Amino acid sequence: MRTPADSAPTEPTPAPTEPYAGPTEPYSTPGPPDQEAEHRDPGPDLDLDLEPNPTPNPTPNPTPNLAANPDQDPGYPAYRRIVARSFGAWYGQGRDSWTGDATGEEITRFVQAQMEARPRAGAGAGAGAGAGADTRTGTGTPSRRLRLLDVGCGRGRQSADLAARLDADVTGVDLLDVWDAPPPARGRVRFVRGDFLGHTADAGLLDAVVDNGCLHHQRRTDWPAWAAHGARLLRPGGVLIVSVFLSPVGEVTALPLEDGRLNWWLTEQAVTGLYTGAGLAPAGRAVIDRDFRYRGHRLFYLALAFRKADG
């Protein structure tokens, strides 16, 4: 679930990855048969007792303003249910205008550029790389497909796009099973209904973790765990890409919605501190115009890339 809102009720919001109570059933849209990757169990989810399909018309928010009253925080599982219902409402009402949005394309290009900049396996650190270079050894012999995790994948369009552009094996994880992306022309994509923090099967195995619009919906107390878990999932040399609401006022600012879901305007300094604190090194940045004004501010997304040190 992609590009989120800044508290204005008419502005769309991308969903964070949230947990689902019950068995985790992967759903795959494979590429051509000769490009199939092996099936992997996604691992256990957190048991948060979420309803199978959050109602599209939730009742008014019964919870406190977490940004203003952190001491009244309902806790991780309860906040996850709030987020589930919030995004269930947006999808149920057909308000997911972020699906296929132009800013999503900009993020996809940023991810692609970061992956293409990685040196080939077996090549020198200065070697360039094409779209499929990471799937080959330094001798040009076919090796393995890139493995990516798309956090908060929503309908899965970006997941499928990344799979096709990078000839990658992409897993999209999200709270809601709203994925309907067509199979990619190359690579493979599968979708898992589950919680990002509960996704552990790929620990240390991923070439990239893509968080396009999820961090800025999390409780502030969960930000360090969010960053650390992303870093933990990466293999040595892997890349984490995160996009957030860039604060137009130069400071971290809370903009909670009426239904209890949090929105945060974040600064580059704050986000960089989180991920360098998790042991990653800055690797790239992009500022993307949202073509949207709110409270007199023209708003932008900030996309940042961080790299895990080689082993």
Protein backbone atom coordinates (compact mmCIF):
# COMPACT_ATOMS: atom_id res chain seq x y z
CA MET A 1 0.00 0.00 0.00
CA ARG A 2 1.68 2.96 -1.31
CA THR A 3 1.66 6.73 -1.09
CA PRO A 4 -0.06 7.95 2.09
CA ALA A 5 -1.99 10.98 3.23
CA ASP A 6 -0.98 13.88 5.44
CA SER A 7 -4.07 13.98 7.63
CA ALA A 8 -6.25 15.75 5.08
CA PRO A 9 -9.23 13.39 4.64
CA THR A 10 -9.12 13.65 0.84
CA GLU A 11 -5.44 12.79 0.46
CA PRO A 12 -4.69 9.08 -0.19
CA THR A 13 -2.55 7.01 2.13
CA PRO A 14 -0.30 3.96 1.47
CA ALA A 15 -0.57 1.15 3.90
CA PRO A 16 2.10 -0.12 6.21
CA THR A 17 2.80 -3.80 6.44
CA GLU A 18 0.68 -5.13 9.21
CA PRO A 19 0.23 -8.48 10.94
CA TYR A 20 -2.58 -10.93 10.32
CA ALA A 21 -3.77 -13.63 12.71
CA GLY A 22 -3.91 -17.00 11.11
CA PRO A 23 -1.86 -19.12 8.74
CA THR A 24 0.35 -17.26 6.30
CA GLU A 25 -0.66 -18.30 2.80
CA PRO A 26 1.58 -17.05 -0.01
CA TYR A 27 -0.01 -16.13 -3.31
CA SER A 28 2.30 -16.09 -6.34
CA THR A 29 2.10 -14.62 -9.80
CA PRO A 30 5.00 -16.37 -11.52
CA GLY A 31 6.76 -15.31 -14.66
CA PRO A 32 7.29 -17.68 -17.59
CA PRO A 33 7.73 -21.32 -16.50
CA ASP A 34 11.48 -21.33 -17.21
CA GLN A 35 11.90 -18.40 -14.83
CA GLU A 36 10.21 -19.95 -11.82
CA ALA A 37 12.02 -19.60 -8.50
CA GLU A 38 11.68 -22.08 -5.68
CA HIS A 39 8.79 -21.63 -3.26
CA ARG A 40 9.82 -20.52 0.22
CA ASP A 41 7.78 -20.53 3.38
CA PRO A 42 7.42 -16.91 4.56
CA GLY A 43 7.71 -17.74 8.25
CA PRO A 44 5.32 -17.07 11.12
CA ASP A 45 3.30 -13.92 11.61
CA LEU A 46 2.48 -12.19 14.87
CA ASP A 47 -0.83 -13.25 16.38
CA LEU A 48 -2.70 -9.96 16.69
CA ASP A 49 -6.25 -11.23 16.37
CA LEU A 50 -7.10 -9.12 13.32
CA GLU A 51 -10.37 -9.71 11.54
CA PRO A 52 -9.84 -11.55 8.23
CA ASN A 53 -11.14 -8.63 6.16
CA PRO A 54 -11.18 -5.24 7.92
CA THR A 55 -14.48 -3.44 7.48
CA PRO A 56 -14.53 -0.72 4.78
CA ASN A 57 -16.58 1.50 7.10
CA PRO A 58 -14.83 1.45 10.47
CA THR A 59 -16.30 3.09 13.52
CA PRO A 60 -14.79 6.41 14.65
CA ASN A 61 -11.40 6.16 16.29
CA PRO A 62 -11.82 5.03 19.91
CA THR A 63 -8.11 5.43 20.65
CA PRO A 64 -6.16 8.42 21.88
CA ASN A 65 -3.98 10.64 19.73
CA LEU A 66 -0.75 8.67 20.06
CA ALA A 67 1.43 11.57 18.97
CA ALA A 68 -0.02 13.89 21.62
CA ASN A 69 -0.54 11.22 24.30
CA PRO A 70 2.23 8.61 24.00
CA ASP A 71 1.57 7.50 27.58
CA GLN A 72 -1.88 6.30 26.42
CA ASP A 73 -0.44 4.19 23.60
CA PRO A 74 -2.66 1.09 23.14
CA GLY A 75 0.37 -1.05 22.26
CA TYR A 76 1.73 -2.66 19.13
CA PRO A 77 -1.07 -5.19 18.44
CA ALA A 78 -3.87 -2.67 19.05
CA TYR A 79 -2.25 -0.03 16.86
CA ARG A 80 -1.80 -2.62 14.11
CA ARG A 81 -5.54 -3.27 14.19
CA ILE A 82 -6.16 0.47 13.90
CA VAL A 83 -3.95 0.64 10.83
CA ALA A 84 -5.58 -2.44 9.32
CA ARG A 85 -9.04 -0.93 9.62
CA SER A 86 -7.85 2.42 8.33
CA PHE A 87 -6.38 1.01 5.13
CA GLY A 88 -9.22 -1.48 4.80
CA ALA A 89 -11.52 1.53 4.62
CA TRP A 90 -9.43 3.30 1.98
CA TYR A 91 -9.31 0.22 -0.25
CA GLY A 92 -12.94 -0.65 0.40
CA GLN A 93 -13.99 2.81 -0.74
CA GLY A 94 -11.78 2.69 -3.84
CA ARG A 95 -9.63 5.56 -2.59
CA ASP A 96 -6.26 3.96 -3.31
CA SER A 97 -5.22 6.63 -5.80
CA TRP A 98 -1.60 5.84 -4.92
CA THR A 99 -1.92 2.61 -6.94
CA GLY A 100 -0.18 3.35 -10.21
CA ASP A 101 0.64 6.89 -9.08
CA ALA A 102 3.45 8.73 -10.90
CA THR A 103 5.42 9.09 -7.67
CA GLY A 104 5.45 5.30 -7.35
CA GLU A 105 7.14 5.13 -10.75
CA GLU A 106 9.79 7.55 -9.49
CA ILE A 107 10.45 5.31 -6.49
CA THR A 108 10.65 2.25 -8.75
CA ARG A 109 13.25 3.99 -10.91
CA PHE A 110 15.21 4.94 -7.80
CA VAL A 111 15.21 1.32 -6.61
CA GLN A 112 16.24 0.12 -10.06
CA ALA A 113 19.11 2.61 -10.18
CA GLN A 114 20.34 1.51 -6.75
CA MET A 115 20.31 -2.14 -7.77
CA GLU A 116 22.01 -1.47 -11.09
CA ALA A 117 24.76 0.45 -9.27
CA ARG A 118 25.76 -2.61 -7.26
CA PRO A 119 28.95 -4.35 -8.43
CA ARG A 120 28.65 -7.74 -10.08
CA ALA A 121 29.36 -10.79 -8.00
CA GLY A 122 33.01 -11.64 -8.46
CA ALA A 123 33.79 -8.25 -10.03
CA GLY A 124 35.79 -5.39 -8.56
CA ALA A 125 34.08 -2.82 -6.36
CA GLY A 126 34.20 -0.26 -9.14
CA ALA A 127 32.52 -2.45 -11.74
CA GLY A 128 29.25 -1.28 -13.16
CA ALA A 129 26.13 -3.40 -13.37
CA GLY A 130 23.25 -3.72 -15.75
CA ALA A 131 19.66 -4.55 -14.82
CA GLY A 132 20.44 -8.25 -14.63
CA ALA A 133 24.06 -8.04 -13.56
CA ASP A 134 23.52 -9.22 -10.01
CA THR A 135 22.05 -12.47 -11.25
CA ARG A 136 25.36 -13.43 -12.89
CA THR A 137 28.83 -14.25 -11.67
CA GLY A 138 31.93 -12.33 -12.71
CA THR A 139 32.48 -14.86 -15.53
CA GLY A 140 29.06 -14.22 -17.04
CA THR A 141 27.71 -17.60 -15.94
CA PRO A 142 24.07 -17.52 -14.81
CA SER A 143 23.97 -17.55 -11.03
CA ARG A 144 20.93 -16.50 -9.04
CA ARG A 145 18.09 -14.04 -9.32
CA LEU A 146 18.02 -10.97 -7.10
CA ARG A 147 15.77 -11.33 -4.04
CA LEU A 148 13.73 -8.32 -2.92
CA LEU A 149 11.12 -7.69 -0.23
CA ASP A 150 8.47 -5.06 -0.97
CA VAL A 151 7.12 -3.86 2.38
CA GLY A 152 3.48 -2.71 2.33
CA CYS A 153 2.99 -3.84 -1.26
CA GLY A 154 -0.74 -3.03 -1.52
CA ARG A 155 -2.11 -4.17 -4.86
CA GLY A 156 1.33 -5.42 -5.80
CA ARG A 157 1.84 -3.36 -8.96
CA GLN A 158 5.25 -2.09 -7.84
CA SER A 159 6.29 -5.58 -6.72
CA ALA A 160 5.53 -6.99 -10.16
CA ASP A 161 7.19 -4.04 -11.88
CA LEU A 162 10.40 -4.53 -9.90
CA ALA A 163 10.38 -8.25 -10.65
CA ALA A 164 10.12 -7.56 -14.37
CA ARG A 165 12.64 -4.71 -14.54
CA LEU A 166 15.29 -6.49 -12.47
CA ASP A 167 14.44 -10.09 -13.40
CA ALA A 168 14.10 -10.52 -9.66
CA ASP A 169 12.42 -12.81 -7.16
CA VAL A 170 10.18 -10.37 -5.27
CA THR A 171 8.06 -11.01 -2.19
CA GLY A 172 5.37 -8.46 -1.39
CA VAL A 173 4.17 -8.43 2.22
CA ASP A 174 1.11 -6.55 3.39
CA LEU A 175 -1.71 -6.61 5.90
CA LEU A 176 -4.45 -6.70 3.28
CA ASP A 177 -4.86 -9.30 0.56
CA VAL A 178 -5.76 -6.74 -2.09
CA TRP A 179 -3.02 -7.70 -4.53
CA ASP A 180 -4.20 -8.02 -8.12
CA ALA A 181 -1.06 -7.32 -10.15
CA PRO A 182 -0.68 -9.27 -13.41
CA PRO A 183 2.22 -11.71 -13.70
CA PRO A 184 5.51 -10.03 -14.57
CA ALA A 185 7.11 -10.60 -17.96
CA ARG A 186 10.33 -11.59 -16.20
CA GLY A 187 11.22 -12.69 -12.71
CA ARG A 188 8.75 -13.87 -10.10
CA VAL A 189 6.52 -12.22 -7.54
CA ARG A 190 4.57 -13.70 -4.66
CA PHE A 191 2.44 -12.04 -2.01
CA VAL A 192 2.21 -12.78 1.69
CA ARG A 193 -0.38 -11.45 4.09
CA GLY A 194 1.62 -10.71 7.21
CA ASP A 195 3.56 -8.34 9.42
CA PHE A 196 6.91 -6.90 8.36
CA LEU A 197 8.40 -7.31 11.84
CA GLY A 198 7.23 -10.93 11.83
CA HIS A 199 8.79 -11.68 8.46
CA THR A 200 11.94 -13.56 9.41
CA ALA A 201 12.32 -16.34 6.84
CA ASP A 202 14.51 -14.16 4.60
CA ALA A 203 16.85 -12.97 7.36
CA GLY A 204 20.29 -12.31 5.89
CA LEU A 205 19.22 -13.40 2.41
CA LEU A 206 17.77 -10.35 0.66
CA ASP A 207 19.50 -8.17 -1.90
CA ALA A 208 17.06 -5.35 -1.20
CA VAL A 209 14.29 -4.30 1.15
CA VAL A 210 11.95 -1.66 -0.29
CA ASP A 211 9.84 0.36 2.15
CA ASN A 212 7.84 2.75 0.01
CA GLY A 213 5.70 4.74 2.43
CA CYS A 214 5.45 2.55 5.55
CA LEU A 215 7.90 3.94 8.10
CA HIS A 216 6.03 7.23 8.39
CA HIS A 217 2.88 5.43 9.59
CA GLN A 218 4.59 3.60 12.46
CA ARG A 219 4.52 4.54 16.12
CA ARG A 220 7.63 6.53 16.92
CA THR A 221 8.63 3.97 19.52
CA ASP A 222 8.76 1.31 16.77
CA TRP A 223 11.03 3.23 14.37
CA PRO A 224 14.31 1.75 15.68
CA ALA A 225 12.94 -1.81 15.48
CA TRP A 226 11.62 -1.11 11.97
CA ALA A 227 15.07 0.02 10.80
CA ALA A 228 16.94 -2.76 12.59
CA HIS A 229 14.69 -5.48 11.17
CA GLY A 230 15.16 -4.21 7.63
CA ALA A 231 18.92 -4.27 8.12
CA ARG A 232 18.75 -7.78 9.57
CA LEU A 233 16.98 -9.11 6.46
CA LEU A 234 19.72 -7.92 4.09
CA ARG A 235 22.59 -10.06 2.92
CA PRO A 236 26.06 -8.43 3.04
CA GLY A 237 26.15 -5.70 0.39
CA GLY A 238 22.35 -5.53 0.30
CA VAL A 239 20.42 -2.28 -0.06
CA LEU A 240 17.50 -0.88 1.92
CA ILE A 241 15.38 1.78 0.20
CA VAL A 242 12.90 3.83 2.23
CA SER A 243 10.60 6.64 1.11
CA VAL A 244 8.89 8.97 3.58
CA PHE A 245 6.96 12.23 3.78
CA LEU A 246 9.67 14.89 3.72
CA SER A 247 8.94 17.48 6.39
CA PRO A 248 8.38 20.92 4.82
CA VAL A 249 8.97 22.61 8.19
CA GLY A 250 12.39 21.16 8.92
CA GLU A 251 11.36 19.06 11.91
CA VAL A 252 9.63 15.78 12.66
CA THR A 253 5.90 16.54 12.82
CA ALA A 254 2.97 14.29 13.72
CA LEU A 255 -0.23 14.48 11.65
CA PRO A 256 -2.52 11.73 12.97
CA LEU A 257 -5.71 10.91 11.13
CA GLU A 258 -9.11 10.84 12.82
CA ASP A 259 -9.25 7.04 12.63
CA GLY A 260 -6.12 6.76 14.78
CA ARG A 261 -3.53 6.04 12.11
CA LEU A 262 -0.35 8.05 12.41
CA ASN A 263 1.25 10.13 9.68
CA TRP A 264 4.65 11.71 10.24
CA TRP A 265 6.51 14.38 8.33
CA LEU A 266 10.14 13.25 8.68
CA THR A 267 13.48 14.92 8.16
CA GLU A 268 16.43 13.48 6.29
CA GLN A 269 18.51 13.75 9.44
CA ALA A 270 16.01 11.72 11.47
CA VAL A 271 15.66 8.94 8.89
CA THR A 272 19.39 8.76 8.24
CA GLY A 273 20.03 8.49 11.98
CA LEU A 274 17.64 5.55 12.27
CA TYR A 275 19.28 3.50 9.54
CA THR A 276 22.89 4.35 10.27
CA GLY A 277 22.05 3.44 13.86
CA ALA A 278 21.01 0.04 12.51
CA GLY A 279 24.45 -0.40 10.97
CA LEU A 280 23.73 0.69 7.38
CA ALA A 281 25.63 3.28 5.33
CA PRO A 282 23.96 6.01 3.21
CA ALA A 283 24.09 5.11 -0.50
CA GLY A 284 21.76 7.49 -2.35
CA ARG A 285 18.89 9.95 -2.14
CA ALA A 286 16.11 11.45 -4.23
CA VAL A 287 13.49 14.12 -3.55
CA ILE A 288 10.23 13.52 -5.41
CA ASP A 289 7.59 16.20 -5.99
CA ARG A 290 4.16 15.00 -4.84
CA ASP A 291 2.42 17.75 -6.81
CA PHE A 292 0.32 18.42 -3.73
CA ARG A 293 -0.06 21.35 -1.34
CA TYR A 294 -1.17 21.09 2.28
CA ARG A 295 -1.38 23.85 4.87
CA GLY A 296 0.41 26.15 2.47
CA HIS A 297 3.31 23.75 1.90
CA ARG A 298 4.28 22.06 -1.33
CA LEU A 299 4.98 18.48 -0.34
CA PHE A 300 7.68 16.04 -1.40
CA TYR A 301 8.73 12.47 -0.78
CA LEU A 302 12.24 11.73 0.36
CA ALA A 303 13.74 8.46 -0.91
CA LEU A 304 16.92 7.25 0.75
CA ALA A 305 19.09 4.21 0.09
CA PHE A 306 21.30 2.53 2.68
CA ARG A 307 23.80 -0.26 2.12
CA LYS A 308 24.84 -3.10 4.38
CA ALA A 309 28.58 -3.64 4.59
CA ASP A 310 30.08 -6.53 2.65
CA GLY A 311 30.79 -9.53 4.80
